[in-house]
Amino acid sequence: MTASELENRLIDFAVECIKLTNKAQKSFASEHMNSQLIRSSTSVALNYSEALGGSSFKDYIFKMQICLKELKESKTNLLIQQKSELYHETESIKTLIEEAEELIKIFSKSIATSKKKNGLK
């Protein structure tokens, strides 16, 4: 997968998370969780874009680690919302959880590979 393809996949993930929030039942909990989901899911795409333009290897790794952290947060948020039954329709949230899991694996591997190539632990 190219950097451009991954960036587009991250954008799609953020967009689908935004669309999902429009389907939530109206409550204090859903508004709170959805607000946080929008922040964390969009942060991944934005930080990945910054990582690609990083000024140094350390900057690149730092931004990639932020992406990984935000992906994990997004996944946990989606799991909480799923278990709290904040959505009537559950297929979209299940698909987004699966996508978050795949993206977490991609970023974990990419960070580990980049560090190994550059002699870091």
N, C-alpha and C. Protein backbone atom coordinates (compact mmCIF):
# COMPACT_ATOMS: atom_id res chain seq x y z
N MET A 1 0.85 -1.17 0.00
CA MET A 1 0.00 0.00 0.00
C MET A 1 0.89 1.24 0.00
N THR A 2 0.60 2.15 -0.89
CA THR A 2 1.39 3.38 -0.97
C THR A 2 0.96 4.36 0.13
N ALA A 3 1.79 5.35 0.35
CA ALA A 3 1.47 6.38 1.34
C ALA A 3 0.18 7.10 0.97
N SER A 4 0.00 7.34 -0.31
CA SER A 4 -1.21 8.02 -0.79
C SER A 4 -2.46 7.16 -0.57
N GLU A 5 -2.32 5.87 -0.81
CA GLU A 5 -3.45 4.96 -0.59
C GLU A 5 -3.82 4.89 0.89
N LEU A 6 -2.80 4.84 1.75
CA LEU A 6 -3.06 4.82 3.18
C LEU A 6 -3.70 6.12 3.64
N GLU A 7 -3.20 7.23 3.12
CA GLU A 7 -3.79 8.52 3.48
C GLU A 7 -5.26 8.57 3.09
N ASN A 8 -5.59 8.08 1.89
CA ASN A 8 -6.99 8.05 1.46
C ASN A 8 -7.83 7.12 2.33
N ARG A 9 -7.25 6.03 2.75
CA ARG A 9 -7.96 5.10 3.64
C ARG A 9 -8.24 5.75 4.99
N LEU A 10 -7.29 6.52 5.49
CA LEU A 10 -7.49 7.22 6.76
C LEU A 10 -8.55 8.31 6.63
N ILE A 11 -8.55 8.98 5.51
CA ILE A 11 -9.59 10.00 5.25
C ILE A 11 -10.95 9.32 5.21
N ASP A 12 -11.04 8.20 4.51
CA ASP A 12 -12.31 7.46 4.43
C ASP A 12 -12.77 7.01 5.82
N PHE A 13 -11.82 6.56 6.65
CA PHE A 13 -12.16 6.14 8.01
C PHE A 13 -12.76 7.31 8.79
N ALA A 14 -12.12 8.46 8.69
CA ALA A 14 -12.62 9.65 9.40
C ALA A 14 -14.00 10.05 8.89
N VAL A 15 -14.18 10.03 7.58
CA VAL A 15 -15.47 10.41 6.99
C VAL A 15 -16.57 9.44 7.44
N GLU A 16 -16.27 8.15 7.45
CA GLU A 16 -17.27 7.17 7.88
C GLU A 16 -17.60 7.32 9.37
N CYS A 17 -16.61 7.68 10.18
CA CYS A 17 -16.88 7.95 11.59
C CYS A 17 -17.79 9.17 11.74
N ILE A 18 -17.54 10.20 10.96
CA ILE A 18 -18.40 11.39 10.99
C ILE A 18 -19.82 11.03 10.58
N LYS A 19 -19.95 10.26 9.52
CA LYS A 19 -21.28 9.84 9.06
C LYS A 19 -21.99 9.01 10.12
N LEU A 20 -21.22 8.15 10.80
CA LEU A 20 -21.81 7.31 11.84
C LEU A 20 -22.41 8.17 12.95
N THR A 21 -21.72 9.23 13.33
CA THR A 21 -22.22 10.06 14.44
C THR A 21 -23.58 10.67 14.14
N ASN A 22 -23.91 10.83 12.87
CA ASN A 22 -25.22 11.36 12.50
C ASN A 22 -26.34 10.35 12.70
N LYS A 23 -25.99 9.08 12.94
CA LYS A 23 -26.98 8.02 13.11
C LYS A 23 -27.24 7.68 14.58
N ALA A 24 -26.54 8.33 15.49
CA ALA A 24 -26.65 7.99 16.91
C ALA A 24 -27.96 8.47 17.51
N GLN A 25 -28.40 7.76 18.52
CA GLN A 25 -29.54 8.23 19.29
C GLN A 25 -29.13 9.53 19.98
N LYS A 26 -30.04 10.42 20.16
CA LYS A 26 -29.73 11.69 20.79
C LYS A 26 -29.74 11.53 22.31
N SER A 27 -28.57 11.73 22.91
CA SER A 27 -28.44 11.68 24.36
C SER A 27 -27.14 12.39 24.74
N PHE A 28 -27.00 12.67 26.02
CA PHE A 28 -25.77 13.29 26.50
C PHE A 28 -24.58 12.37 26.20
N ALA A 29 -24.75 11.08 26.46
CA ALA A 29 -23.65 10.12 26.25
C ALA A 29 -23.24 10.06 24.78
N SER A 30 -24.21 9.99 23.89
CA SER A 30 -23.86 9.88 22.47
C SER A 30 -23.20 11.17 21.96
N GLU A 31 -23.68 12.30 22.41
CA GLU A 31 -23.06 13.56 21.99
C GLU A 31 -21.62 13.65 22.49
N HIS A 32 -21.40 13.24 23.72
CA HIS A 32 -20.05 13.27 24.30
C HIS A 32 -19.12 12.31 23.54
N MET A 33 -19.57 11.08 23.37
CA MET A 33 -18.74 10.07 22.70
C MET A 33 -18.51 10.40 21.23
N ASN A 34 -19.53 10.90 20.57
CA ASN A 34 -19.40 11.23 19.15
C ASN A 34 -18.48 12.42 18.92
N SER A 35 -18.53 13.37 19.80
CA SER A 35 -17.63 14.52 19.70
C SER A 35 -16.18 14.05 19.79
N GLN A 36 -15.92 13.16 20.74
CA GLN A 36 -14.57 12.63 20.91
C GLN A 36 -14.17 11.75 19.73
N LEU A 37 -15.11 10.96 19.20
CA LEU A 37 -14.81 10.10 18.05
C LEU A 37 -14.43 10.93 16.83
N ILE A 38 -15.12 12.01 16.61
CA ILE A 38 -14.78 12.88 15.48
C ILE A 38 -13.37 13.43 15.64
N ARG A 39 -13.02 13.87 16.86
CA ARG A 39 -11.69 14.41 17.09
C ARG A 39 -10.60 13.36 16.88
N SER A 40 -10.78 12.18 17.45
CA SER A 40 -9.73 11.17 17.35
C SER A 40 -9.61 10.59 15.94
N SER A 41 -10.72 10.33 15.28
CA SER A 41 -10.65 9.72 13.95
C SER A 41 -10.11 10.69 12.90
N THR A 42 -10.46 11.95 13.00
CA THR A 42 -9.92 12.93 12.03
C THR A 42 -8.46 13.24 12.33
N SER A 43 -8.07 13.15 13.60
CA SER A 43 -6.69 13.41 13.99
C SER A 43 -5.73 12.44 13.30
N VAL A 44 -6.16 11.21 13.10
CA VAL A 44 -5.29 10.21 12.47
C VAL A 44 -4.89 10.66 11.07
N ALA A 45 -5.88 11.02 10.25
CA ALA A 45 -5.60 11.44 8.88
C ALA A 45 -4.74 12.71 8.86
N LEU A 46 -5.04 13.64 9.73
CA LEU A 46 -4.30 14.91 9.76
C LEU A 46 -2.86 14.70 10.21
N ASN A 47 -2.66 13.88 11.23
CA ASN A 47 -1.29 13.62 11.70
C ASN A 47 -0.49 12.77 10.73
N TYR A 48 -1.16 11.88 10.01
CA TYR A 48 -0.45 11.10 9.00
C TYR A 48 0.06 12.01 7.89
N SER A 49 -0.76 12.95 7.50
CA SER A 49 -0.34 13.93 6.49
C SER A 49 0.89 14.70 6.98
N GLU A 50 0.89 15.07 8.25
CA GLU A 50 2.05 15.76 8.82
C GLU A 50 3.27 14.84 8.87
N ALA A 51 3.04 13.56 9.19
CA ALA A 51 4.16 12.61 9.27
C ALA A 51 4.85 12.49 7.91
N LEU A 52 4.06 12.48 6.86
CA LEU A 52 4.64 12.36 5.52
C LEU A 52 5.52 13.56 5.17
N GLY A 53 5.21 14.70 5.75
CA GLY A 53 6.01 15.90 5.51
C GLY A 53 6.96 16.21 6.65
N GLY A 54 7.22 15.22 7.48
CA GLY A 54 8.06 15.42 8.66
C GLY A 54 9.44 15.96 8.32
N SER A 55 9.95 16.77 9.21
CA SER A 55 11.25 17.40 8.99
C SER A 55 12.43 16.49 9.33
N SER A 56 12.15 15.39 10.06
CA SER A 56 13.21 14.47 10.44
C SER A 56 12.60 13.10 10.68
N PHE A 57 13.45 12.11 10.83
CA PHE A 57 12.98 10.77 11.13
C PHE A 57 12.26 10.75 12.48
N LYS A 58 12.82 11.44 13.48
CA LYS A 58 12.19 11.50 14.81
C LYS A 58 10.79 12.13 14.74
N ASP A 59 10.66 13.16 13.93
CA ASP A 59 9.37 13.82 13.74
C ASP A 59 8.38 12.85 13.09
N TYR A 60 8.85 12.12 12.09
CA TYR A 60 8.01 11.13 11.41
C TYR A 60 7.51 10.08 12.40
N ILE A 61 8.40 9.50 13.18
CA ILE A 61 8.03 8.47 14.16
C ILE A 61 7.07 9.04 15.19
N PHE A 62 7.34 10.24 15.67
CA PHE A 62 6.47 10.88 16.66
C PHE A 62 5.05 11.01 16.12
N LYS A 63 4.90 11.49 14.89
CA LYS A 63 3.58 11.67 14.29
C LYS A 63 2.90 10.32 14.04
N MET A 64 3.68 9.32 13.63
CA MET A 64 3.11 7.98 13.41
C MET A 64 2.61 7.39 14.73
N GLN A 65 3.33 7.65 15.82
CA GLN A 65 2.89 7.16 17.13
C GLN A 65 1.62 7.88 17.59
N ILE A 66 1.50 9.15 17.25
CA ILE A 66 0.25 9.87 17.55
C ILE A 66 -0.90 9.22 16.77
N CYS A 67 -0.65 8.91 15.50
CA CYS A 67 -1.68 8.26 14.69
C CYS A 67 -2.13 6.95 15.34
N LEU A 68 -1.18 6.16 15.78
CA LEU A 68 -1.49 4.88 16.42
C LEU A 68 -2.31 5.10 17.69
N LYS A 69 -1.91 6.06 18.49
CA LYS A 69 -2.64 6.37 19.73
C LYS A 69 -4.08 6.78 19.42
N GLU A 70 -4.25 7.63 18.43
CA GLU A 70 -5.59 8.10 18.06
C GLU A 70 -6.45 6.99 17.46
N LEU A 71 -5.82 6.07 16.73
CA LEU A 71 -6.56 4.91 16.21
C LEU A 71 -7.06 4.03 17.34
N LYS A 72 -6.20 3.80 18.32
CA LYS A 72 -6.60 2.98 19.47
C LYS A 72 -7.74 3.66 20.24
N GLU A 73 -7.64 4.97 20.38
CA GLU A 73 -8.71 5.72 21.05
C GLU A 73 -10.02 5.61 20.27
N SER A 74 -9.94 5.75 18.96
CA SER A 74 -11.14 5.65 18.12
C SER A 74 -11.78 4.27 18.25
N LYS A 75 -10.95 3.23 18.23
CA LYS A 75 -11.47 1.87 18.35
C LYS A 75 -12.16 1.68 19.70
N THR A 76 -11.51 2.11 20.77
CA THR A 76 -12.11 1.97 22.10
C THR A 76 -13.42 2.74 22.19
N ASN A 77 -13.45 3.93 21.63
CA ASN A 77 -14.67 4.73 21.60
C ASN A 77 -15.79 3.96 20.89
N LEU A 78 -15.48 3.42 19.72
CA LEU A 78 -16.48 2.66 18.96
C LEU A 78 -16.97 1.44 19.75
N LEU A 79 -16.07 0.76 20.44
CA LEU A 79 -16.46 -0.39 21.26
C LEU A 79 -17.39 0.02 22.40
N ILE A 80 -17.07 1.13 23.05
CA ILE A 80 -17.93 1.62 24.13
C ILE A 80 -19.32 1.96 23.59
N GLN A 81 -19.35 2.65 22.46
CA GLN A 81 -20.64 3.01 21.89
C GLN A 81 -21.43 1.77 21.46
N GLN A 82 -20.71 0.79 20.91
CA GLN A 82 -21.38 -0.45 20.50
C GLN A 82 -21.98 -1.16 21.71
N LYS A 83 -21.20 -1.29 22.77
CA LYS A 83 -21.67 -1.99 23.97
C LYS A 83 -22.76 -1.20 24.72
N SER A 84 -22.75 0.11 24.55
CA SER A 84 -23.76 0.96 25.19
C SER A 84 -25.04 1.03 24.37
N GLU A 85 -25.00 0.42 23.19
CA GLU A 85 -26.16 0.38 22.29
C GLU A 85 -26.67 1.79 21.95
N LEU A 86 -25.72 2.67 21.61
CA LEU A 86 -26.09 4.04 21.25
C LEU A 86 -26.58 4.14 19.81
N TYR A 87 -26.50 3.05 19.07
CA TYR A 87 -26.94 3.02 17.68
C TYR A 87 -27.97 1.93 17.48
N HIS A 88 -29.01 2.24 16.70
CA HIS A 88 -30.00 1.22 16.34
C HIS A 88 -29.40 0.29 15.29
N GLU A 89 -28.68 0.86 14.35
CA GLU A 89 -28.07 0.11 13.26
C GLU A 89 -26.64 -0.21 13.68
N THR A 90 -26.27 -1.49 13.67
CA THR A 90 -24.99 -1.89 14.23
C THR A 90 -23.94 -2.29 13.20
N GLU A 91 -24.31 -2.48 11.95
CA GLU A 91 -23.34 -2.95 10.96
C GLU A 91 -22.26 -1.91 10.69
N SER A 92 -22.61 -0.64 10.62
CA SER A 92 -21.63 0.42 10.36
C SER A 92 -20.58 0.48 11.46
N ILE A 93 -21.01 0.41 12.69
CA ILE A 93 -20.06 0.50 13.80
C ILE A 93 -19.16 -0.73 13.82
N LYS A 94 -19.71 -1.90 13.51
CA LYS A 94 -18.90 -3.13 13.45
C LYS A 94 -17.83 -3.00 12.36
N THR A 95 -18.21 -2.49 11.21
CA THR A 95 -17.27 -2.30 10.10
C THR A 95 -16.16 -1.33 10.49
N LEU A 96 -16.51 -0.26 11.18
CA LEU A 96 -15.50 0.73 11.60
C LEU A 96 -14.55 0.16 12.66
N ILE A 97 -15.05 -0.67 13.53
CA ILE A 97 -14.18 -1.32 14.53
C ILE A 97 -13.18 -2.22 13.81
N GLU A 98 -13.65 -2.96 12.84
CA GLU A 98 -12.75 -3.84 12.06
C GLU A 98 -11.70 -3.03 11.30
N GLU A 99 -12.12 -1.91 10.72
CA GLU A 99 -11.17 -1.05 9.99
C GLU A 99 -10.14 -0.46 10.96
N ALA A 100 -10.58 -0.03 12.13
CA ALA A 100 -9.65 0.50 13.13
C ALA A 100 -8.63 -0.56 13.52
N GLU A 101 -9.07 -1.79 13.70
CA GLU A 101 -8.15 -2.88 14.04
C GLU A 101 -7.11 -3.10 12.95
N GLU A 102 -7.55 -3.08 11.70
CA GLU A 102 -6.61 -3.25 10.59
C GLU A 102 -5.61 -2.10 10.52
N LEU A 103 -6.09 -0.88 10.70
CA LEU A 103 -5.21 0.28 10.65
C LEU A 103 -4.22 0.27 11.81
N ILE A 104 -4.64 -0.18 12.97
CA ILE A 104 -3.74 -0.30 14.12
C ILE A 104 -2.60 -1.26 13.79
N LYS A 105 -2.92 -2.38 13.17
CA LYS A 105 -1.89 -3.34 12.77
C LYS A 105 -0.93 -2.72 11.76
N ILE A 106 -1.45 -1.98 10.80
CA ILE A 106 -0.61 -1.33 9.78
C ILE A 106 0.35 -0.34 10.44
N PHE A 107 -0.17 0.50 11.32
CA PHE A 107 0.67 1.51 11.96
C PHE A 107 1.68 0.89 12.92
N SER A 108 1.26 -0.13 13.66
CA SER A 108 2.19 -0.80 14.58
C SER A 108 3.35 -1.39 13.81
N LYS A 109 3.07 -2.06 12.72
CA LYS A 109 4.11 -2.68 11.90
C LYS A 109 4.99 -1.63 11.25
N SER A 110 4.39 -0.58 10.73
CA SER A 110 5.14 0.48 10.07
C SER A 110 6.10 1.17 11.03
N ILE A 111 5.65 1.44 12.23
CA ILE A 111 6.50 2.09 13.23
C ILE A 111 7.66 1.16 13.60
N ALA A 112 7.34 -0.10 13.85
CA ALA A 112 8.39 -1.07 14.22
C ALA A 112 9.41 -1.23 13.11
N THR A 113 8.96 -1.32 11.88
CA THR A 113 9.86 -1.48 10.73
C THR A 113 10.74 -0.24 10.56
N SER A 114 10.14 0.94 10.68
CA SER A 114 10.89 2.19 10.53
C SER A 114 11.96 2.32 11.60
N LYS A 115 11.60 1.96 12.83
CA LYS A 115 12.58 2.03 13.92
C LYS A 115 13.71 1.04 13.71
N LYS A 116 13.38 -0.16 13.27
CA LYS A 116 14.40 -1.18 13.03
C LYS A 116 15.36 -0.75 11.93
N LYS A 117 14.84 -0.19 10.86
CA LYS A 117 15.68 0.28 9.76
C LYS A 117 16.63 1.38 10.19
N ASN A 118 16.21 2.14 11.19
CA ASN A 118 17.02 3.26 11.64
C ASN A 118 17.73 2.98 12.97
N GLY A 119 17.79 1.71 13.35
CA GLY A 119 18.56 1.32 14.52
C GLY A 119 17.98 1.75 15.85
N LEU A 120 16.67 1.94 15.91
CA LEU A 120 16.02 2.32 17.17
C LEU A 120 15.22 1.14 17.70
N LYS A 121 14.93 1.19 19.00
CA LYS A 121 14.12 0.13 19.62
C LYS A 121 12.69 0.53 19.71
